[in-house]
Amino acid sequence: MDLSGANGSEPLETVRGFSSLAHANAFARRYVRDSMEVCRPRGADAEAARDAWFAFGEDAVVSGPEGAAIEGGWSSGSELADFAAAPPREREDRNWRMIDPRKLAAEEDDDEGEDEA
């Protein structure tokens, strides 16, 4: 769930269709990591990066049905300080689009359409 501040405590968006809990966790982690980097002011220290993210960033949490907490579900609180401390070493750490289940489902639909043609 995207827990950006614009909607209070209600999720702004709920993403479904993950193949596993690990897939959902990886997506949420990359999504928040990317948001931190988008918000990070040039040359900012960890505190300034964190403050910018809290003001403008996008948060996410992995939860079960109806937003219920689930064992092993990722949330930003466990890694936010590390994210703020330094940019990621690998670009893949930010690439949530590559594993977005909505994109993967659309690609599968396109592949099925090509088979019918």
N, C-alpha and C. Protein backbone atom coordinates (compact mmCIF):
# COMPACT_ATOMS: atom_id res chain seq x y z
N MET A 1 0.83 -1.18 0.00
CA MET A 1 0.00 0.00 0.00
C MET A 1 0.88 1.24 0.00
N ASP A 2 0.51 2.19 -0.80
CA ASP A 2 1.18 3.49 -0.84
C ASP A 2 0.55 4.34 0.25
N LEU A 3 1.36 4.70 1.25
CA LEU A 3 0.87 5.46 2.39
C LEU A 3 1.33 6.91 2.35
N SER A 4 1.40 7.48 1.18
CA SER A 4 1.79 8.88 1.06
C SER A 4 0.85 9.75 1.88
N GLY A 5 1.34 10.85 2.36
CA GLY A 5 0.61 11.70 3.28
C GLY A 5 -0.64 12.37 2.74
N ALA A 6 -0.82 12.42 1.45
CA ALA A 6 -1.94 13.16 0.87
C ALA A 6 -3.30 12.62 1.29
N ASN A 7 -3.35 11.39 1.75
CA ASN A 7 -4.63 10.77 2.06
C ASN A 7 -4.77 10.43 3.53
N GLY A 8 -4.00 11.08 4.39
CA GLY A 8 -4.08 10.79 5.82
C GLY A 8 -3.60 9.38 6.11
N SER A 9 -4.32 8.64 6.94
CA SER A 9 -3.92 7.29 7.29
C SER A 9 -4.43 6.25 6.29
N GLU A 10 -5.28 6.68 5.37
CA GLU A 10 -5.80 5.77 4.35
C GLU A 10 -4.77 5.63 3.23
N PRO A 11 -4.62 4.42 2.69
CA PRO A 11 -3.67 4.26 1.58
C PRO A 11 -4.11 5.04 0.35
N LEU A 12 -3.14 5.63 -0.31
CA LEU A 12 -3.39 6.35 -1.55
C LEU A 12 -3.62 5.37 -2.69
N GLU A 13 -2.92 4.25 -2.61
CA GLU A 13 -3.00 3.24 -3.66
C GLU A 13 -2.70 1.89 -3.05
N THR A 14 -3.39 0.86 -3.50
CA THR A 14 -3.11 -0.51 -3.10
C THR A 14 -2.73 -1.28 -4.34
N VAL A 15 -1.55 -1.89 -4.30
CA VAL A 15 -1.05 -2.67 -5.44
C VAL A 15 -1.25 -4.14 -5.10
N ARG A 16 -1.87 -4.87 -6.01
CA ARG A 16 -2.12 -6.30 -5.82
C ARG A 16 -1.46 -7.09 -6.95
N GLY A 17 -1.49 -8.40 -6.82
CA GLY A 17 -1.02 -9.26 -7.90
C GLY A 17 0.40 -9.75 -7.75
N PHE A 18 0.95 -9.64 -6.55
CA PHE A 18 2.32 -10.12 -6.33
C PHE A 18 2.35 -11.65 -6.34
N SER A 19 3.43 -12.21 -6.82
CA SER A 19 3.55 -13.66 -6.90
C SER A 19 3.89 -14.29 -5.55
N SER A 20 4.42 -13.49 -4.63
CA SER A 20 4.80 -14.00 -3.31
C SER A 20 5.01 -12.83 -2.35
N LEU A 21 5.16 -13.15 -1.09
CA LEU A 21 5.48 -12.13 -0.09
C LEU A 21 6.83 -11.50 -0.40
N ALA A 22 7.79 -12.30 -0.82
CA ALA A 22 9.12 -11.77 -1.16
C ALA A 22 9.02 -10.76 -2.31
N HIS A 23 8.18 -11.05 -3.29
CA HIS A 23 7.98 -10.13 -4.42
C HIS A 23 7.38 -8.82 -3.93
N ALA A 24 6.36 -8.90 -3.08
CA ALA A 24 5.73 -7.70 -2.53
C ALA A 24 6.72 -6.89 -1.70
N ASN A 25 7.51 -7.57 -0.88
CA ASN A 25 8.50 -6.89 -0.05
C ASN A 25 9.54 -6.19 -0.90
N ALA A 26 10.03 -6.85 -1.94
CA ALA A 26 11.04 -6.25 -2.81
C ALA A 26 10.48 -5.01 -3.52
N PHE A 27 9.24 -5.10 -3.98
CA PHE A 27 8.60 -3.97 -4.65
C PHE A 27 8.48 -2.78 -3.69
N ALA A 28 7.95 -3.00 -2.49
CA ALA A 28 7.75 -1.91 -1.53
C ALA A 28 9.09 -1.28 -1.15
N ARG A 29 10.09 -2.11 -0.92
CA ARG A 29 11.42 -1.62 -0.54
C ARG A 29 11.99 -0.73 -1.65
N ARG A 30 11.94 -1.19 -2.88
CA ARG A 30 12.47 -0.41 -3.99
C ARG A 30 11.66 0.88 -4.20
N TYR A 31 10.36 0.79 -4.01
CA TYR A 31 9.48 1.95 -4.19
C TYR A 31 9.85 3.07 -3.22
N VAL A 32 10.04 2.70 -1.96
CA VAL A 32 10.41 3.69 -0.94
C VAL A 32 11.83 4.18 -1.16
N ARG A 33 12.72 3.27 -1.53
CA ARG A 33 14.12 3.64 -1.79
C ARG A 33 14.20 4.67 -2.92
N ASP A 34 13.43 4.43 -3.97
CA ASP A 34 13.41 5.37 -5.10
C ASP A 34 12.84 6.71 -4.65
N SER A 35 11.79 6.68 -3.87
CA SER A 35 11.19 7.92 -3.37
C SER A 35 12.19 8.73 -2.55
N MET A 36 12.98 8.04 -1.74
CA MET A 36 14.01 8.74 -0.94
C MET A 36 14.99 9.45 -1.86
N GLU A 37 15.40 8.78 -2.93
CA GLU A 37 16.38 9.39 -3.83
C GLU A 37 15.79 10.54 -4.64
N VAL A 38 14.53 10.43 -5.00
CA VAL A 38 13.86 11.53 -5.70
C VAL A 38 13.80 12.76 -4.81
N CYS A 39 13.59 12.55 -3.52
CA CYS A 39 13.44 13.66 -2.56
C CYS A 39 14.77 14.20 -2.04
N ARG A 40 15.84 13.41 -2.15
CA ARG A 40 17.12 13.78 -1.55
C ARG A 40 17.69 15.05 -2.18
N PRO A 41 17.86 16.12 -1.39
CA PRO A 41 18.50 17.33 -1.93
C PRO A 41 19.98 17.04 -2.26
N ARG A 42 20.46 17.67 -3.31
CA ARG A 42 21.86 17.47 -3.71
C ARG A 42 22.79 17.81 -2.54
N GLY A 43 23.68 16.89 -2.24
CA GLY A 43 24.67 17.10 -1.19
C GLY A 43 24.12 17.03 0.23
N ALA A 44 22.89 16.59 0.39
CA ALA A 44 22.24 16.58 1.71
C ALA A 44 22.82 15.50 2.61
N ASP A 45 22.86 15.80 3.91
CA ASP A 45 23.22 14.77 4.88
C ASP A 45 21.99 13.91 5.15
N ALA A 46 22.17 12.88 5.96
CA ALA A 46 21.09 11.93 6.22
C ALA A 46 19.86 12.60 6.82
N GLU A 47 20.06 13.53 7.73
CA GLU A 47 18.92 14.20 8.37
C GLU A 47 18.11 15.02 7.36
N ALA A 48 18.80 15.75 6.50
CA ALA A 48 18.11 16.55 5.48
C ALA A 48 17.38 15.66 4.48
N ALA A 49 18.00 14.53 4.12
CA ALA A 49 17.36 13.60 3.20
C ALA A 49 16.10 13.01 3.83
N ARG A 50 16.20 12.61 5.08
CA ARG A 50 15.04 12.05 5.79
C ARG A 50 13.93 13.09 5.92
N ASP A 51 14.29 14.32 6.27
CA ASP A 51 13.30 15.39 6.41
C ASP A 51 12.59 15.66 5.09
N ALA A 52 13.35 15.68 3.99
CA ALA A 52 12.75 15.90 2.68
C ALA A 52 11.80 14.75 2.32
N TRP A 53 12.21 13.53 2.66
CA TRP A 53 11.35 12.39 2.37
C TRP A 53 10.05 12.46 3.19
N PHE A 54 10.16 12.81 4.47
CA PHE A 54 8.96 12.93 5.29
C PHE A 54 8.03 14.02 4.77
N ALA A 55 8.59 15.06 4.18
CA ALA A 55 7.77 16.15 3.64
C ALA A 55 7.15 15.80 2.29
N PHE A 56 7.90 15.11 1.43
CA PHE A 56 7.47 14.92 0.05
C PHE A 56 7.47 13.49 -0.44
N GLY A 57 8.02 12.57 0.32
CA GLY A 57 8.22 11.20 -0.15
C GLY A 57 6.99 10.33 -0.12
N GLU A 58 7.16 9.15 -0.68
CA GLU A 58 6.09 8.16 -0.74
C GLU A 58 6.49 6.96 0.10
N ASP A 59 5.62 6.60 1.02
CA ASP A 59 5.85 5.47 1.91
C ASP A 59 5.07 4.26 1.39
N ALA A 60 5.45 3.08 1.82
CA ALA A 60 4.74 1.87 1.45
C ALA A 60 4.89 0.85 2.56
N VAL A 61 3.93 -0.05 2.64
CA VAL A 61 3.97 -1.14 3.60
C VAL A 61 3.33 -2.36 2.93
N VAL A 62 3.84 -3.53 3.27
CA VAL A 62 3.26 -4.77 2.77
C VAL A 62 2.32 -5.30 3.84
N SER A 63 1.06 -5.46 3.46
CA SER A 63 0.06 -5.92 4.42
C SER A 63 -0.83 -6.97 3.78
N GLY A 64 -1.64 -7.58 4.61
CA GLY A 64 -2.56 -8.60 4.13
C GLY A 64 -3.89 -7.98 3.72
N PRO A 65 -4.89 -8.84 3.59
CA PRO A 65 -6.23 -8.35 3.21
C PRO A 65 -6.73 -7.28 4.18
N GLU A 66 -7.42 -6.32 3.64
CA GLU A 66 -8.00 -5.23 4.45
C GLU A 66 -6.95 -4.43 5.21
N GLY A 67 -5.69 -4.48 4.77
CA GLY A 67 -4.63 -3.71 5.41
C GLY A 67 -4.09 -4.30 6.69
N ALA A 68 -4.47 -5.53 6.99
CA ALA A 68 -4.01 -6.18 8.23
C ALA A 68 -2.51 -6.46 8.15
N ALA A 69 -1.83 -6.28 9.27
CA ALA A 69 -0.41 -6.58 9.34
C ALA A 69 -0.20 -8.08 9.12
N ILE A 70 0.89 -8.43 8.43
CA ILE A 70 1.21 -9.83 8.22
C ILE A 70 2.65 -10.08 8.62
N GLU A 71 2.91 -11.27 9.12
CA GLU A 71 4.27 -11.62 9.53
C GLU A 71 5.18 -11.61 8.30
N GLY A 72 6.29 -10.92 8.42
CA GLY A 72 7.25 -10.85 7.33
C GLY A 72 6.96 -9.75 6.32
N GLY A 73 5.89 -8.98 6.52
CA GLY A 73 5.57 -7.89 5.61
C GLY A 73 6.51 -6.71 5.84
N TRP A 74 7.03 -6.13 4.77
CA TRP A 74 8.02 -5.05 4.86
C TRP A 74 7.35 -3.72 5.20
N SER A 75 8.05 -2.91 5.99
CA SER A 75 7.64 -1.52 6.21
C SER A 75 8.91 -0.67 6.23
N SER A 76 8.76 0.58 5.90
CA SER A 76 9.93 1.46 5.75
C SER A 76 10.66 1.74 7.05
N GLY A 77 9.97 1.65 8.17
CA GLY A 77 10.58 1.99 9.45
C GLY A 77 11.87 1.24 9.74
N SER A 78 11.97 0.02 9.24
CA SER A 78 13.15 -0.78 9.53
C SER A 78 14.38 -0.36 8.74
N GLU A 79 14.20 0.36 7.63
CA GLU A 79 15.34 0.70 6.77
C GLU A 79 15.46 2.17 6.43
N LEU A 80 14.55 2.98 6.87
CA LEU A 80 14.54 4.38 6.47
C LEU A 80 15.83 5.11 6.83
N ALA A 81 16.36 4.87 8.01
CA ALA A 81 17.61 5.53 8.41
C ALA A 81 18.76 5.14 7.48
N ASP A 82 18.81 3.87 7.10
CA ASP A 82 19.85 3.42 6.17
C ASP A 82 19.67 4.05 4.79
N PHE A 83 18.43 4.14 4.33
CA PHE A 83 18.16 4.77 3.04
C PHE A 83 18.61 6.23 3.05
N ALA A 84 18.32 6.93 4.14
CA ALA A 84 18.67 8.35 4.24
C ALA A 84 20.18 8.54 4.34
N ALA A 85 20.87 7.58 4.94
CA ALA A 85 22.31 7.72 5.19
C ALA A 85 23.14 7.79 3.91
N ALA A 86 22.73 7.06 2.88
CA ALA A 86 23.54 7.03 1.66
C ALA A 86 22.71 6.56 0.47
N PRO A 87 22.98 7.11 -0.71
CA PRO A 87 22.30 6.62 -1.91
C PRO A 87 22.64 5.14 -2.15
N PRO A 88 21.80 4.42 -2.88
CA PRO A 88 22.08 3.01 -3.14
C PRO A 88 23.29 2.84 -4.04
N ARG A 89 23.97 1.73 -3.89
CA ARG A 89 25.14 1.45 -4.73
C ARG A 89 24.71 0.98 -6.12
N GLU A 90 23.62 0.24 -6.17
CA GLU A 90 23.14 -0.35 -7.42
C GLU A 90 21.84 0.33 -7.87
N ARG A 91 21.74 0.62 -9.14
CA ARG A 91 20.51 1.24 -9.68
C ARG A 91 19.30 0.33 -9.48
N GLU A 92 19.54 -0.97 -9.52
CA GLU A 92 18.45 -1.93 -9.36
C GLU A 92 17.74 -1.78 -8.02
N ASP A 93 18.44 -1.28 -7.01
CA ASP A 93 17.83 -1.09 -5.69
C ASP A 93 16.68 -0.10 -5.72
N ARG A 94 16.59 0.71 -6.77
CA ARG A 94 15.52 1.70 -6.91
C ARG A 94 14.49 1.31 -7.97
N ASN A 95 14.77 0.30 -8.75
CA ASN A 95 13.95 0.00 -9.92
C ASN A 95 12.72 -0.84 -9.56
N TRP A 96 11.72 -0.20 -8.99
CA TRP A 96 10.48 -0.89 -8.63
C TRP A 96 9.63 -1.17 -9.87
N ARG A 97 9.81 -0.39 -10.91
CA ARG A 97 9.00 -0.57 -12.12
C ARG A 97 9.25 -1.93 -12.77
N MET A 98 10.49 -2.41 -12.67
CA MET A 98 10.86 -3.67 -13.28
C MET A 98 10.09 -4.85 -12.66
N ILE A 99 9.69 -4.73 -11.40
CA ILE A 99 9.00 -5.84 -10.73
C ILE A 99 7.56 -5.48 -10.36
N ASP A 100 7.04 -4.42 -10.94
CA ASP A 100 5.67 -3.99 -10.67
C ASP A 100 4.70 -5.03 -11.23
N PRO A 101 3.86 -5.64 -10.38
CA PRO A 101 2.96 -6.69 -10.89
C PRO A 101 1.95 -6.16 -11.91
N ARG A 102 1.63 -4.89 -11.87
CA ARG A 102 0.71 -4.32 -12.86
C ARG A 102 1.36 -4.33 -14.24
N LYS A 103 2.65 -4.02 -14.29
CA LYS A 103 3.38 -4.03 -15.56
C LYS A 103 3.54 -5.47 -16.05
N LEU A 104 3.87 -6.37 -15.13
CA LEU A 104 4.06 -7.76 -15.51
C LEU A 104 2.76 -8.36 -16.06
N ALA A 105 1.63 -8.02 -15.45
CA ALA A 105 0.33 -8.51 -15.92
C ALA A 105 0.02 -7.95 -17.31
N ALA A 106 0.32 -6.69 -17.53
CA ALA A 106 0.08 -6.07 -18.84
C ALA A 106 0.94 -6.73 -19.91
N GLU A 107 2.18 -7.06 -19.57
CA GLU A 107 3.06 -7.72 -20.52
C GLU A 107 2.54 -9.11 -20.87
N GLU A 108 2.01 -9.83 -19.86
CA GLU A 108 1.44 -11.15 -20.12
C GLU A 108 0.23 -11.04 -21.03
N ASP A 109 -0.61 -10.03 -20.81
CA ASP A 109 -1.78 -9.81 -21.67
C ASP A 109 -1.34 -9.53 -23.10
N ASP A 110 -0.28 -8.73 -23.27
CA ASP A 110 0.23 -8.42 -24.60
C ASP A 110 0.74 -9.69 -25.28
N ASP A 111 1.44 -10.54 -24.52
CA ASP A 111 1.97 -11.78 -25.07
C ASP A 111 0.84 -12.70 -25.53
N GLU A 112 -0.24 -12.77 -24.76
CA GLU A 112 -1.38 -13.60 -25.13
C GLU A 112 -2.04 -13.08 -26.40
N GLY A 113 -2.13 -11.77 -26.53
CA GLY A 113 -2.72 -11.16 -27.73
C GLY A 113 -1.91 -11.46 -28.97
N GLU A 114 -0.59 -11.50 -28.84
CA GLU A 114 0.28 -11.81 -29.97
C GLU A 114 0.10 -13.26 -30.40
N ASP A 115 -0.13 -14.17 -29.43
CA ASP A 115 -0.32 -15.58 -29.75
C ASP A 115 -1.59 -15.80 -30.57
N GLU A 116 -2.60 -14.96 -30.34
CA GLU A 116 -3.88 -15.10 -31.03
C GLU A 116 -3.83 -14.52 -32.44
N ALA A 117 -2.90 -13.64 -32.72
CA ALA A 117 -2.84 -12.97 -34.02
C ALA A 117 -2.25 -13.85 -35.09
